[in-house]
Amino acid sequence: PYSTMDCSQMSKYAYSSLGFSLPRVSDDQAEAMIKYKRDSGKPEKGDICFMKFPSVVKCSCGDKCRRYMQVHQAAVYLGQIDGRTYVVDSSSTIGNVIIREFLSNTIAGMPVVFYAGK
């Protein structure tokens, strides 16, 4: 089912397989997961990475983003493989799951707002 999901459906489905219920939309998920935020600022395997659009991209909210902490995207942290760090993401635009490299607090050019895990 991952091949037809967007990012928030993917994280919701992944966490539901662990018996943890998440809301449907990424900013609602961020609000629900803020109590599990990693104080270290570093993700652990299985954490959800919550991202916002970079400042050069105008979000769909209009002049001022109305989403919780400006979160528009979520990805699940996979960890390091051969010295490189990865997340799994899903895009409704592309229509499938994407393994993305994680570089210096950005994922696909989007700044990470925070990491959280249960």
PDB file of N, CA and C in Angstrom:
ATOM      1  N   PRO A   1       0.802  -1.219   0.000  1.00  0.00           N
ATOM      2  CA  PRO A   1       0.000   0.000   0.000  1.00  0.00           C
ATOM      3  C   PRO A   1       0.841   1.278   0.000  1.00  0.00           C
ATOM      4  N   TYR A   2       2.132   1.184   0.336  1.00  0.00           N
ATOM      5  CA  TYR A   2       2.964   2.379   0.393  1.00  0.00           C
ATOM      6  C   TYR A   2       3.075   3.077  -0.958  1.00  0.00           C
ATOM      7  N   SER A   3       2.887   2.361  -2.046  1.00  0.00           N
ATOM      8  CA  SER A   3       3.085   2.954  -3.367  1.00  0.00           C
ATOM      9  C   SER A   3       2.036   3.989  -3.730  1.00  0.00           C
ATOM     10  N   THR A   4       0.942   4.062  -3.001  1.00  0.00           N
ATOM     11  CA  THR A   4      -0.110   5.028  -3.334  1.00  0.00           C
ATOM     12  C   THR A   4      -0.325   6.056  -2.221  1.00  0.00           C
ATOM     13  N   MET A   5       0.577   6.143  -1.279  1.00  0.00           N
ATOM     14  CA  MET A   5       0.402   7.028  -0.123  1.00  0.00           C
ATOM     15  C   MET A   5       1.212   8.309  -0.257  1.00  0.00           C
ATOM     16  N   ASP A   6       0.710   9.366   0.399  1.00  0.00           N
ATOM     17  CA  ASP A   6       1.537  10.550   0.552  1.00  0.00           C
ATOM     18  C   ASP A   6       2.321  10.404   1.862  1.00  0.00           C
ATOM     19  N   CYS A   7       3.085  11.432   2.224  1.00  0.00           N
ATOM     20  CA  CYS A   7       4.007  11.323   3.359  1.00  0.00           C
ATOM     21  C   CYS A   7       3.300  11.046   4.676  1.00  0.00           C
ATOM     22  N   SER A   8       2.208  11.738   4.943  1.00  0.00           N
ATOM     23  CA  SER A   8       1.540  11.561   6.235  1.00  0.00           C
ATOM     24  C   SER A   8       0.806  10.227   6.317  1.00  0.00           C
ATOM     25  N   GLN A   9       0.285   9.746   5.200  1.00  0.00           N
ATOM     26  CA  GLN A   9      -0.322   8.417   5.201  1.00  0.00           C
ATOM     27  C   GLN A   9       0.739   7.362   5.480  1.00  0.00           C
ATOM     28  N   MET A  10       1.933   7.547   4.907  1.00  0.00           N
ATOM     29  CA  MET A  10       3.016   6.587   5.107  1.00  0.00           C
ATOM     30  C   MET A  10       3.418   6.527   6.584  1.00  0.00           C
ATOM     31  N   SER A  11       3.639   7.683   7.218  1.00  0.00           N
ATOM     32  CA  SER A  11       4.038   7.666   8.630  1.00  0.00           C
ATOM     33  C   SER A  11       2.904   7.154   9.511  1.00  0.00           C
ATOM     34  N   LYS A  12       1.674   7.497   9.180  1.00  0.00           N
ATOM     35  CA  LYS A  12       0.516   6.998   9.931  1.00  0.00           C
ATOM     36  C   LYS A  12       0.440   5.480   9.847  1.00  0.00           C
ATOM     37  N   TYR A  13       0.608   4.931   8.650  1.00  0.00           N
ATOM     38  CA  TYR A  13       0.538   3.489   8.439  1.00  0.00           C
ATOM     39  C   TYR A  13       1.705   2.782   9.148  1.00  0.00           C
ATOM     40  N   ALA A  14       2.901   3.352   9.039  1.00  0.00           N
ATOM     41  CA  ALA A  14       4.070   2.744   9.681  1.00  0.00           C
ATOM     42  C   ALA A  14       3.894   2.695  11.196  1.00  0.00           C
ATOM     43  N   TYR A  15       3.425   3.773  11.787  1.00  0.00           N
ATOM     44  CA  TYR A  15       3.239   3.809  13.239  1.00  0.00           C
ATOM     45  C   TYR A  15       2.040   2.961  13.683  1.00  0.00           C
ATOM     46  N   SER A  16       1.019   2.865  12.841  1.00  0.00           N
ATOM     47  CA  SER A  16      -0.130   2.025  13.218  1.00  0.00           C
ATOM     48  C   SER A  16       0.272   0.555  13.265  1.00  0.00           C
ATOM     49  N   SER A  17       1.269   0.171  12.461  1.00  0.00           N
ATOM     50  CA  SER A  17       1.740  -1.218  12.499  1.00  0.00           C
ATOM     51  C   SER A  17       2.431  -1.523  13.835  1.00  0.00           C
ATOM     52  N   LEU A  18       2.796  -0.464  14.580  1.00  0.00           N
ATOM     53  CA  LEU A  18       3.398  -0.617  15.909  1.00  0.00           C
ATOM     54  C   LEU A  18       2.355  -0.431  17.013  1.00  0.00           C
ATOM     55  N   GLY A  19       1.102  -0.220  16.606  1.00  0.00           N
ATOM     56  CA  GLY A  19       0.027  -0.040  17.573  1.00  0.00           C
ATOM     57  C   GLY A  19      -0.123   1.388  18.075  1.00  0.00           C
ATOM     58  N   PHE A  20       0.441   2.348  17.350  1.00  0.00           N
ATOM     59  CA  PHE A  20       0.378   3.757  17.752  1.00  0.00           C
ATOM     60  C   PHE A  20      -0.434   4.519  16.719  1.00  0.00           C
ATOM     61  N   SER A  21      -1.471   5.183  17.153  1.00  0.00           N
ATOM     62  CA  SER A  21      -2.362   5.916  16.259  1.00  0.00           C
ATOM     63  C   SER A  21      -1.884   7.351  16.052  1.00  0.00           C
ATOM     64  N   LEU A  22      -1.835   7.770  14.793  1.00  0.00           N
ATOM     65  CA  LEU A  22      -1.470   9.136  14.438  1.00  0.00           C
ATOM     66  C   LEU A  22      -2.591   9.779  13.631  1.00  0.00           C
ATOM     67  N   PRO A  23      -2.729  11.102  13.705  1.00  0.00           N
ATOM     68  CA  PRO A  23      -3.687  11.797  12.839  1.00  0.00           C
ATOM     69  C   PRO A  23      -3.304  11.635  11.371  1.00  0.00           C
ATOM     70  N   ARG A  24      -4.150  12.052  10.476  1.00  0.00           N
ATOM     71  CA  ARG A  24      -3.968  11.858   9.044  1.00  0.00           C
ATOM     72  C   ARG A  24      -2.970  12.828   8.399  1.00  0.00           C
ATOM     73  N   VAL A  25      -2.919  14.084   8.832  1.00  0.00           N
ATOM     74  CA  VAL A  25      -2.145  15.124   8.145  1.00  0.00           C
ATOM     75  C   VAL A  25      -0.841  15.408   8.907  1.00  0.00           C
ATOM     76  N   SER A  26       0.236  15.716   8.175  1.00  0.00           N
ATOM     77  CA  SER A  26       1.569  15.853   8.780  1.00  0.00           C
ATOM     78  C   SER A  26       1.648  16.897   9.887  1.00  0.00           C
ATOM     79  N   ASP A  27       1.000  18.046   9.747  1.00  0.00           N
ATOM     80  CA  ASP A  27       1.101  19.035  10.818  1.00  0.00           C
ATOM     81  C   ASP A  27       0.317  18.594  12.056  1.00  0.00           C
ATOM     82  N   ASP A  28      -0.785  17.875  11.866  1.00  0.00           N
ATOM     83  CA  ASP A  28      -1.506  17.303  13.010  1.00  0.00           C
ATOM     84  C   ASP A  28      -0.674  16.210  13.676  1.00  0.00           C
ATOM     85  N   GLN A  29       0.057  15.451  12.867  1.00  0.00           N
ATOM     86  CA  GLN A  29       0.961  14.437  13.410  1.00  0.00           C
ATOM     87  C   GLN A  29       2.056  15.101  14.238  1.00  0.00           C
ATOM     88  N   ALA A  30       2.604  16.201  13.731  1.00  0.00           N
ATOM     89  CA  ALA A  30       3.649  16.927  14.455  1.00  0.00           C
ATOM     90  C   ALA A  30       3.122  17.407  15.804  1.00  0.00           C
ATOM     91  N   GLU A  31       1.910  17.923  15.814  1.00  0.00           N
ATOM     92  CA  GLU A  31       1.326  18.397  17.066  1.00  0.00           C
ATOM     93  C   GLU A  31       1.130  17.238  18.049  1.00  0.00           C
ATOM     94  N   ALA A  32       0.721  16.086  17.526  1.00  0.00           N
ATOM     95  CA  ALA A  32       0.522  14.908  18.384  1.00  0.00           C
ATOM     96  C   ALA A  32       1.850  14.325  18.883  1.00  0.00           C
ATOM     97  N   MET A  33       2.911  14.495  18.094  1.00  0.00           N
ATOM     98  CA  MET A  33       4.207  13.896  18.436  1.00  0.00           C
ATOM     99  C   MET A  33       5.160  14.844  19.146  1.00  0.00           C
ATOM    100  N   ILE A  34       4.789  16.105  19.326  1.00  0.00           N
ATOM    101  CA  ILE A  34       5.710  17.070  19.953  1.00  0.00           C
ATOM    102  C   ILE A  34       6.151  16.601  21.337  1.00  0.00           C
ATOM    103  N   LYS A  35       5.314  15.865  22.031  1.00  0.00           N
ATOM    104  CA  LYS A  35       5.686  15.380  23.366  1.00  0.00           C
ATOM    105  C   LYS A  35       6.756  14.282  23.298  1.00  0.00           C
ATOM    106  N   TYR A  36       6.996  13.741  22.103  1.00  0.00           N
ATOM    107  CA  TYR A  36       8.026  12.723  21.905  1.00  0.00           C
ATOM    108  C   TYR A  36       9.241  13.294  21.153  1.00  0.00           C
ATOM    109  N   LYS A  37       9.351  14.612  21.101  1.00  0.00           N
ATOM    110  CA  LYS A  37      10.450  15.282  20.405  1.00  0.00           C
ATOM    111  C   LYS A  37      11.782  14.837  20.998  1.00  0.00           C
ATOM    112  N   ARG A  38      12.752  14.619  20.139  1.00  0.00           N
ATOM    113  CA  ARG A  38      14.101  14.239  20.573  1.00  0.00           C
ATOM    114  C   ARG A  38      14.815  15.473  21.116  1.00  0.00           C
ATOM    115  N   ASP A  39      15.039  15.482  22.410  1.00  0.00           N
ATOM    116  CA  ASP A  39      15.718  16.619  23.033  1.00  0.00           C
ATOM    117  C   ASP A  39      17.150  16.769  22.532  1.00  0.00           C
ATOM    118  N   SER A  40      17.736  15.676  22.113  1.00  0.00           N
ATOM    119  CA  SER A  40      19.108  15.711  21.610  1.00  0.00           C
ATOM    120  C   SER A  40      19.193  16.430  20.264  1.00  0.00           C
ATOM    121  N   GLY A  41      18.045  16.560  19.584  1.00  0.00           N
ATOM    122  CA  GLY A  41      18.055  17.161  18.253  1.00  0.00           C
ATOM    123  C   GLY A  41      18.547  16.209  17.189  1.00  0.00           C
ATOM    124  N   LYS A  42      18.771  14.944  17.583  1.00  0.00           N
ATOM    125  CA  LYS A  42      19.250  13.937  16.634  1.00  0.00           C
ATOM    126  C   LYS A  42      18.212  12.825  16.521  1.00  0.00           C
ATOM    127  N   PRO A  43      17.909  12.409  15.308  1.00  0.00           N
ATOM    128  CA  PRO A  43      16.906  11.353  15.138  1.00  0.00           C
ATOM    129  C   PRO A  43      17.453   9.978  15.471  1.00  0.00           C
ATOM    130  N   GLU A  44      16.547   9.096  15.807  1.00  0.00           N
ATOM    131  CA  GLU A  44      16.855   7.681  15.994  1.00  0.00           C
ATOM    132  C   GLU A  44      16.064   6.888  14.959  1.00  0.00           C
ATOM    133  N   LYS A  45      16.508   5.690  14.668  1.00  0.00           N
ATOM    134  CA  LYS A  45      15.824   4.861  13.673  1.00  0.00           C
ATOM    135  C   LYS A  45      14.343   4.755  14.005  1.00  0.00           C
ATOM    136  N   GLY A  46      13.517   4.991  12.991  1.00  0.00           N
ATOM    137  CA  GLY A  46      12.074   4.918  13.152  1.00  0.00           C
ATOM    138  C   GLY A  46      11.420   6.232  13.540  1.00  0.00           C
ATOM    139  N   ASP A  47      12.210   7.247  13.876  1.00  0.00           N
ATOM    140  CA  ASP A  47      11.634   8.548  14.215  1.00  0.00           C
ATOM    141  C   ASP A  47      10.979   9.180  12.989  1.00  0.00           C
ATOM    142  N   ILE A  48      10.020  10.044  13.260  1.00  0.00           N
ATOM    143  CA  ILE A  48       9.427  10.835  12.185  1.00  0.00           C
ATOM    144  C   ILE A  48      10.144  12.170  12.140  1.00  0.00           C
ATOM    145  N   CYS A  49      10.570  12.549  10.956  1.00  0.00           N
ATOM    146  CA  CYS A  49      11.193  13.845  10.717  1.00  0.00           C
ATOM    147  C   CYS A  49      10.111  14.761  10.162  1.00  0.00           C
ATOM    148  N   PHE A  50       9.875  15.871  10.816  1.00  0.00           N
ATOM    149  CA  PHE A  50       8.862  16.825  10.369  1.00  0.00           C
ATOM    150  C   PHE A  50       9.571  18.006   9.717  1.00  0.00           C
ATOM    151  N   MET A  51       9.158  18.346   8.487  1.00  0.00           N
ATOM    152  CA  MET A  51       9.821  19.382   7.712  1.00  0.00           C
ATOM    153  C   MET A  51       8.849  20.489   7.317  1.00  0.00           C
ATOM    154  N   LYS A  52       9.436  21.645   7.011  1.00  0.00           N
ATOM    155  CA  LYS A  52       8.672  22.762   6.473  1.00  0.00           C
ATOM    156  C   LYS A  52       9.268  23.130   5.123  1.00  0.00           C
ATOM    157  N   PHE A  53       8.543  23.940   4.373  1.00  0.00           N
ATOM    158  CA  PHE A  53       9.064  24.392   3.092  1.00  0.00           C
ATOM    159  C   PHE A  53      10.209  25.377   3.327  1.00  0.00           C
ATOM    160  N   PRO A  54      11.210  25.372   2.437  1.00  0.00           N
ATOM    161  CA  PRO A  54      12.266  26.371   2.562  1.00  0.00           C
ATOM    162  C   PRO A  54      11.674  27.771   2.340  1.00  0.00           C
ATOM    163  N   SER A  55      12.342  28.780   2.836  1.00  0.00           N
ATOM    164  CA  SER A  55      11.814  30.149   2.757  1.00  0.00           C
ATOM    165  C   SER A  55      11.590  30.634   1.327  1.00  0.00           C
ATOM    166  N   VAL A  56      12.272  30.057   0.370  1.00  0.00           N
ATOM    167  CA  VAL A  56      12.104  30.482  -1.029  1.00  0.00           C
ATOM    168  C   VAL A  56      10.864  29.874  -1.681  1.00  0.00           C
ATOM    169  N   VAL A  57      10.212  28.933  -1.003  1.00  0.00           N
ATOM    170  CA  VAL A  57       9.012  28.295  -1.548  1.00  0.00           C
ATOM    171  C   VAL A  57       7.784  28.830  -0.820  1.00  0.00           C
ATOM    172  N   LYS A  58       6.839  29.326  -1.589  1.00  0.00           N
ATOM    173  CA  LYS A  58       5.600  29.832  -0.990  1.00  0.00           C
ATOM    174  C   LYS A  58       4.683  28.632  -0.726  1.00  0.00           C
ATOM    175  N   CYS A  59       4.255  28.506   0.517  1.00  0.00           N
ATOM    176  CA  CYS A  59       3.399  27.364   0.861  1.00  0.00           C
ATOM    177  C   CYS A  59       1.967  27.603   0.407  1.00  0.00           C
ATOM    178  N   SER A  60       1.196  26.565   0.403  1.00  0.00           N
ATOM    179  CA  SER A  60      -0.190  26.617  -0.063  1.00  0.00           C
ATOM    180  C   SER A  60      -1.112  27.357   0.904  1.00  0.00           C
ATOM    181  N   CYS A  61      -0.607  27.729   2.070  1.00  0.00           N
ATOM    182  CA  CYS A  61      -1.416  28.441   3.074  1.00  0.00           C
ATOM    183  C   CYS A  61      -1.651  29.903   2.706  1.00  0.00           C
ATOM    184  N   GLY A  62      -0.870  30.435   1.801  1.00  0.00           N
ATOM    185  CA  GLY A  62      -0.985  31.848   1.450  1.00  0.00           C
ATOM    186  C   GLY A  62       0.171  32.649   2.015  1.00  0.00           C
ATOM    187  N   ASP A  63      -0.111  33.880   2.422  1.00  0.00           N
ATOM    188  CA  ASP A  63       0.943  34.774   2.908  1.00  0.00           C
ATOM    189  C   ASP A  63       1.589  34.301   4.205  1.00  0.00           C
ATOM    190  N   LYS A  64       0.807  33.676   5.082  1.00  0.00           N
ATOM    191  CA  LYS A  64       1.337  33.206   6.360  1.00  0.00           C
ATOM    192  C   LYS A  64       0.913  31.749   6.565  1.00  0.00           C
ATOM    193  N   CYS A  65       1.897  30.902   6.829  1.00  0.00           N
ATOM    194  CA  CYS A  65       1.619  29.480   7.019  1.00  0.00           C
ATOM    195  C   CYS A  65       0.767  29.280   8.273  1.00  0.00           C
ATOM    196  N   ARG A  66      -0.315  28.534   8.130  1.00  0.00           N
ATOM    197  CA  ARG A  66      -1.228  28.277   9.240  1.00  0.00           C
ATOM    198  C   ARG A  66      -1.037  26.887   9.846  1.00  0.00           C
ATOM    199  N   ARG A  67      -0.112  26.126   9.347  1.00  0.00           N
ATOM    200  CA  ARG A  67       0.104  24.778   9.856  1.00  0.00           C
ATOM    201  C   ARG A  67       0.913  24.791  11.152  1.00  0.00           C
ATOM    202  N   TYR A  68       0.728  23.769  11.964  1.00  0.00           N
ATOM    203  CA  TYR A  68       1.454  23.647  13.221  1.00  0.00           C
ATOM    204  C   TYR A  68       2.956  23.648  12.939  1.00  0.00           C
ATOM    205  N   MET A  69       3.666  24.614  13.498  1.00  0.00           N
ATOM    206  CA  MET A  69       5.112  24.778  13.336  1.00  0.00           C
ATOM    207  C   MET A  69       5.527  24.819  11.867  1.00  0.00           C
ATOM    208  N   GLN A  70       4.601  25.180  10.986  1.00  0.00           N
ATOM    209  CA  GLN A  70       4.801  25.271   9.535  1.00  0.00           C
ATOM    210  C   GLN A  70       5.112  23.921   8.880  1.00  0.00           C
ATOM    211  N   VAL A  71       4.758  22.822   9.534  1.00  0.00           N
ATOM    212  CA  VAL A  71       5.055  21.486   9.019  1.00  0.00           C
ATOM    213  C   VAL A  71       4.165  21.168   7.817  1.00  0.00           C
ATOM    214  N   HIS A  72       4.815  20.782   6.724  1.00  0.00           N
ATOM    215  CA  HIS A  72       4.121  20.379   5.505  1.00  0.00           C
ATOM    216  C   HIS A  72       4.524  18.983   5.031  1.00  0.00           C
ATOM    217  N   GLN A  73       5.522  18.379   5.650  1.00  0.00           N
ATOM    218  CA  GLN A  73       6.041  17.107   5.151  1.00  0.00           C
ATOM    219  C   GLN A  73       6.554  16.270   6.315  1.00  0.00           C
ATOM    220  N   ALA A  74       6.453  14.952   6.162  1.00  0.00           N
ATOM    221  CA  ALA A  74       6.965  14.016   7.165  1.00  0.00           C
ATOM    222  C   ALA A  74       7.723  12.901   6.459  1.00  0.00           C
ATOM    223  N   ALA A  75       8.757  12.402   7.106  1.00  0.00           N
ATOM    224  CA  ALA A  75       9.528  11.275   6.601  1.00  0.00           C
ATOM    225  C   ALA A  75       9.947  10.422   7.797  1.00  0.00           C
ATOM    226  N   VAL A  76      10.247   9.168   7.549  1.00  0.00           N
ATOM    227  CA  VAL A  76      10.676   8.266   8.619  1.00  0.00           C
ATOM    228  C   VAL A  76      12.193   8.052   8.490  1.00  0.00           C
ATOM    229  N   TYR A  77      12.881   8.264   9.599  1.00  0.00           N
ATOM    230  CA  TYR A  77      14.345   8.160   9.631  1.00  0.00           C
ATOM    231  C   TYR A  77      14.764   6.694   9.595  1.00  0.00           C
ATOM    232  N   LEU A  78      15.641   6.360   8.660  1.00  0.00           N
ATOM    233  CA  LEU A  78      16.119   4.984   8.518  1.00  0.00           C
ATOM    234  C   LEU A  78      17.462   4.747   9.192  1.00  0.00           C
ATOM    235  N   GLY A  79      18.288   5.777   9.278  1.00  0.00           N
ATOM    236  CA  GLY A  79      19.613   5.625   9.868  1.00  0.00           C
ATOM    237  C   GLY A  79      20.702   5.663   8.820  1.00  0.00           C
ATOM    238  N   GLN A  80      21.884   5.184   9.207  1.00  0.00           N
ATOM    239  CA  GLN A  80      23.041   5.221   8.318  1.00  0.00           C
ATOM    240  C   GLN A  80      23.245   3.888   7.611  1.00  0.00           C
ATOM    241  N   ILE A  81      23.601   4.011   6.353  1.00  0.00           N
ATOM    242  CA  ILE A  81      23.960   2.853   5.545  1.00  0.00           C
ATOM    243  C   ILE A  81      25.231   3.241   4.790  1.00  0.00           C
ATOM    244  N   ASP A  82      26.300   2.516   5.013  1.00  0.00           N
ATOM    245  CA  ASP A  82      27.581   2.799   4.368  1.00  0.00           C
ATOM    246  C   ASP A  82      28.017   4.254   4.541  1.00  0.00           C
ATOM    247  N   GLY A  83      27.820   4.805   5.751  1.00  0.00           N
ATOM    248  CA  GLY A  83      28.266   6.159   6.051  1.00  0.00           C
ATOM    249  C   GLY A  83      27.359   7.272   5.568  1.00  0.00           C
ATOM    250  N   ARG A  84      26.276   6.934   4.913  1.00  0.00           N
ATOM    251  CA  ARG A  84      25.315   7.941   4.456  1.00  0.00           C
ATOM    252  C   ARG A  84      24.018   7.763   5.237  1.00  0.00           C
ATOM    253  N   THR A  85      23.306   8.843   5.468  1.00  0.00           N
ATOM    254  CA  THR A  85      22.098   8.823   6.276  1.00  0.00           C
ATOM    255  C   THR A  85      20.874   8.967   5.390  1.00  0.00           C
ATOM    256  N   TYR A  86      19.820   8.153   5.690  1.00  0.00           N
ATOM    257  CA  TYR A  86      18.644   8.109   4.825  1.00  0.00           C
ATOM    258  C   TYR A  86      17.329   8.199   5.603  1.00  0.00           C
ATOM    259  N   VAL A  87      16.310   8.659   4.881  1.00  0.00           N
ATOM    260  CA  VAL A  87      14.927   8.637   5.347  1.00  0.00           C
ATOM    261  C   VAL A  87      14.086   8.003   4.245  1.00  0.00           C
ATOM    262  N   VAL A  88      12.905   7.544   4.631  1.00  0.00           N
ATOM    263  CA  VAL A  88      11.937   7.100   3.635  1.00  0.00           C
ATOM    264  C   VAL A  88      10.811   8.123   3.657  1.00  0.00           C
ATOM    265  N   ASP A  89      10.420   8.531   2.486  1.00  0.00           N
ATOM    266  CA  ASP A  89       9.435   9.580   2.299  1.00  0.00           C
ATOM    267  C   ASP A  89       8.438   9.072   1.258  1.00  0.00           C
ATOM    268  N   SER A  90       7.331   9.724   1.144  1.00  0.00           N
ATOM    269  CA  SER A  90       6.363   9.364   0.119  1.00  0.00           C
ATOM    270  C   SER A  90       5.761  10.640  -0.428  1.00  0.00           C
ATOM    271  N   SER A  91       5.553  10.663  -1.717  1.00  0.00           N
ATOM    272  CA  SER A  91       5.052  11.861  -2.364  1.00  0.00           C
ATOM    273  C   SER A  91       3.802  11.553  -3.164  1.00  0.00           C
ATOM    274  N   SER A  92       2.730  12.278  -2.885  1.00  0.00           N
ATOM    275  CA  SER A  92       1.518  12.105  -3.682  1.00  0.00           C
ATOM    276  C   SER A  92       1.730  12.660  -5.086  1.00  0.00           C
ATOM    277  N   THR A  93       2.660  13.610  -5.223  1.00  0.00           N
ATOM    278  CA  THR A  93       2.962  14.168  -6.540  1.00  0.00           C
ATOM    279  C   THR A  93       3.678  13.138  -7.407  1.00  0.00           C
ATOM    280  N   ILE A  94       4.676  12.500  -6.821  1.00  0.00           N
ATOM    281  CA  ILE A  94       5.431  11.474  -7.555  1.00  0.00           C
ATOM    282  C   ILE A  94       4.656  10.164  -7.557  1.00  0.00           C
ATOM    283  N   GLY A  95       3.928   9.917  -6.476  1.00  0.00           N
ATOM    284  CA  GLY A  95       3.066   8.742  -6.407  1.00  0.00           C
ATOM    285  C   GLY A  95       3.718   7.488  -5.885  1.00  0.00           C
ATOM    286  N   ASN A  96       4.840   7.630  -5.196  1.00  0.00           N
ATOM    287  CA  ASN A  96       5.459   6.433  -4.635  1.00  0.00           C
ATOM    288  C   ASN A  96       6.392   6.763  -3.480  1.00  0.00           C
ATOM    289  N   VAL A  97       6.872   5.721  -2.862  1.00  0.00           N
ATOM    290  CA  VAL A  97       7.821   5.852  -1.759  1.00  0.00           C
ATOM    291  C   VAL A  97       9.192   6.200  -2.325  1.00  0.00           C
ATOM    292  N   ILE A  98       9.891   7.069  -1.597  1.00  0.00           N
ATOM    293  CA  ILE A  98      11.192   7.541  -2.044  1.00  0.00           C
ATOM    294  C   ILE A  98      12.179   7.392  -0.890  1.00  0.00           C
ATOM    295  N   ILE A  99      13.324   6.803  -1.157  1.00  0.00           N
ATOM    296  CA  ILE A  99      14.419   6.799  -0.191  1.00  0.00           C
ATOM    297  C   ILE A  99      15.243   8.034  -0.500  1.00  0.00           C
ATOM    298  N   ARG A 100      15.384   8.892   0.489  1.00  0.00           N
ATOM    299  CA  ARG A 100      16.114  10.149   0.286  1.00  0.00           C
ATOM    300  C   ARG A 100      17.317  10.204   1.228  1.00  0.00           C
ATOM    301  N   GLU A 101      18.379  10.832   0.747  1.00  0.00           N
ATOM    302  CA  GLU A 101      19.521  11.060   1.608  1.00  0.00           C
ATOM    303  C   GLU A 101      19.219  12.255   2.509  1.00  0.00           C
ATOM    304  N   PHE A 102      19.677  12.151   3.724  1.00  0.00           N
ATOM    305  CA  PHE A 102      19.458  13.165   4.744  1.00  0.00           C
ATOM    306  C   PHE A 102      20.756  13.933   4.922  1.00  0.00           C
ATOM    307  N   LEU A 103      20.717  15.232   4.641  1.00  0.00           N
ATOM    308  CA  LEU A 103      21.930  16.047   4.709  1.00  0.00           C
ATOM    309  C   LEU A 103      21.732  17.260   5.610  1.00  0.00           C
ATOM    310  N   SER A 104      22.553  17.405   6.602  1.00  0.00           N
ATOM    311  CA  SER A 104      22.629  18.574   7.489  1.00  0.00           C
ATOM    312  C   SER A 104      21.286  19.259   7.762  1.00  0.00           C
ATOM    313  N   ASN A 105      20.400  18.539   8.395  1.00  0.00           N
ATOM    314  CA  ASN A 105      19.091  19.033   8.824  1.00  0.00           C
ATOM    315  C   ASN A 105      18.152  19.451   7.703  1.00  0.00           C
ATOM    316  N   THR A 106      18.384  18.951   6.505  1.00  0.00           N
ATOM    317  CA  THR A 106      17.437  19.157   5.414  1.00  0.00           C
ATOM    318  C   THR A 106      17.178  17.828   4.720  1.00  0.00           C
ATOM    319  N   ILE A 107      15.962  17.694   4.237  1.00  0.00           N
ATOM    320  CA  ILE A 107      15.573  16.517   3.464  1.00  0.00           C
ATOM    321  C   ILE A 107      14.907  17.035   2.206  1.00  0.00           C
ATOM    322  N   ALA A 108      15.464  16.703   1.064  1.00  0.00           N
ATOM    323  CA  ALA A 108      14.964  17.167  -0.229  1.00  0.00           C
ATOM    324  C   ALA A 108      14.821  18.690  -0.243  1.00  0.00           C
ATOM    325  N   GLY A 109      15.763  19.387   0.388  1.00  0.00           N
ATOM    326  CA  GLY A 109      15.752  20.841   0.418  1.00  0.00           C
ATOM    327  C   GLY A 109      14.831  21.460   1.455  1.00  0.00           C
ATOM    328  N   MET A 110      14.126  20.621   2.214  1.00  0.00           N
ATOM    329  CA  MET A 110      13.203  21.126   3.236  1.00  0.00           C
ATOM    330  C   MET A 110      13.867  21.076   4.610  1.00  0.00           C
ATOM    331  N   PRO A 111      13.868  22.200   5.337  1.00  0.00           N
ATOM    332  CA  PRO A 111      14.451  22.202   6.689  1.00  0.00           C
ATOM    333  C   PRO A 111      13.643  21.324   7.642  1.00  0.00           C
ATOM    334  N   VAL A 112      14.358  20.563   8.465  1.00  0.00           N
ATOM    335  CA  VAL A 112      13.705  19.739   9.477  1.00  0.00           C
ATOM    336  C   VAL A 112      13.340  20.640  10.655  1.00  0.00           C
ATOM    337  N   VAL A 113      12.096  20.564  11.095  1.00  0.00           N
ATOM    338  CA  VAL A 113      11.612  21.336  12.237  1.00  0.00           C
ATOM    339  C   VAL A 113      11.959  20.617  13.530  1.00  0.00           C
ATOM    340  N   PHE A 114      11.646  19.305  13.582  1.00  0.00           N
ATOM    341  CA  PHE A 114      12.035  18.482  14.728  1.00  0.00           C
ATOM    342  C   PHE A 114      11.872  17.010  14.382  1.00  0.00           C
ATOM    343  N   TYR A 115      12.452  16.161  15.239  1.00  0.00           N
ATOM    344  CA  TYR A 115      12.358  14.717  15.142  1.00  0.00           C
ATOM    345  C   TYR A 115      11.593  14.214  16.357  1.00  0.00           C
ATOM    346  N   ALA A 116      10.793  13.183  16.150  1.00  0.00           N
ATOM    347  CA  ALA A 116      10.067  12.603  17.282  1.00  0.00           C
ATOM    348  C   ALA A 116       9.898  11.127  17.050  1.00  0.00           C
ATOM    349  N   GLY A 117       9.887  10.368  18.138  1.00  0.00           N
ATOM    350  CA  GLY A 117       9.702   8.935  18.020  1.00  0.00           C
ATOM    351  C   GLY A 117       9.097   8.356  19.267  1.00  0.00           C
ATOM    352  N   LYS A 118       8.442   7.266  19.094  1.00  0.00           N
ATOM    353  CA  LYS A 118       7.774   6.580  20.201  1.00  0.00           C
ATOM    354  C   LYS A 118       8.474   5.276  20.446  1.00  0.00           C
TER     355      LYS A 118
END
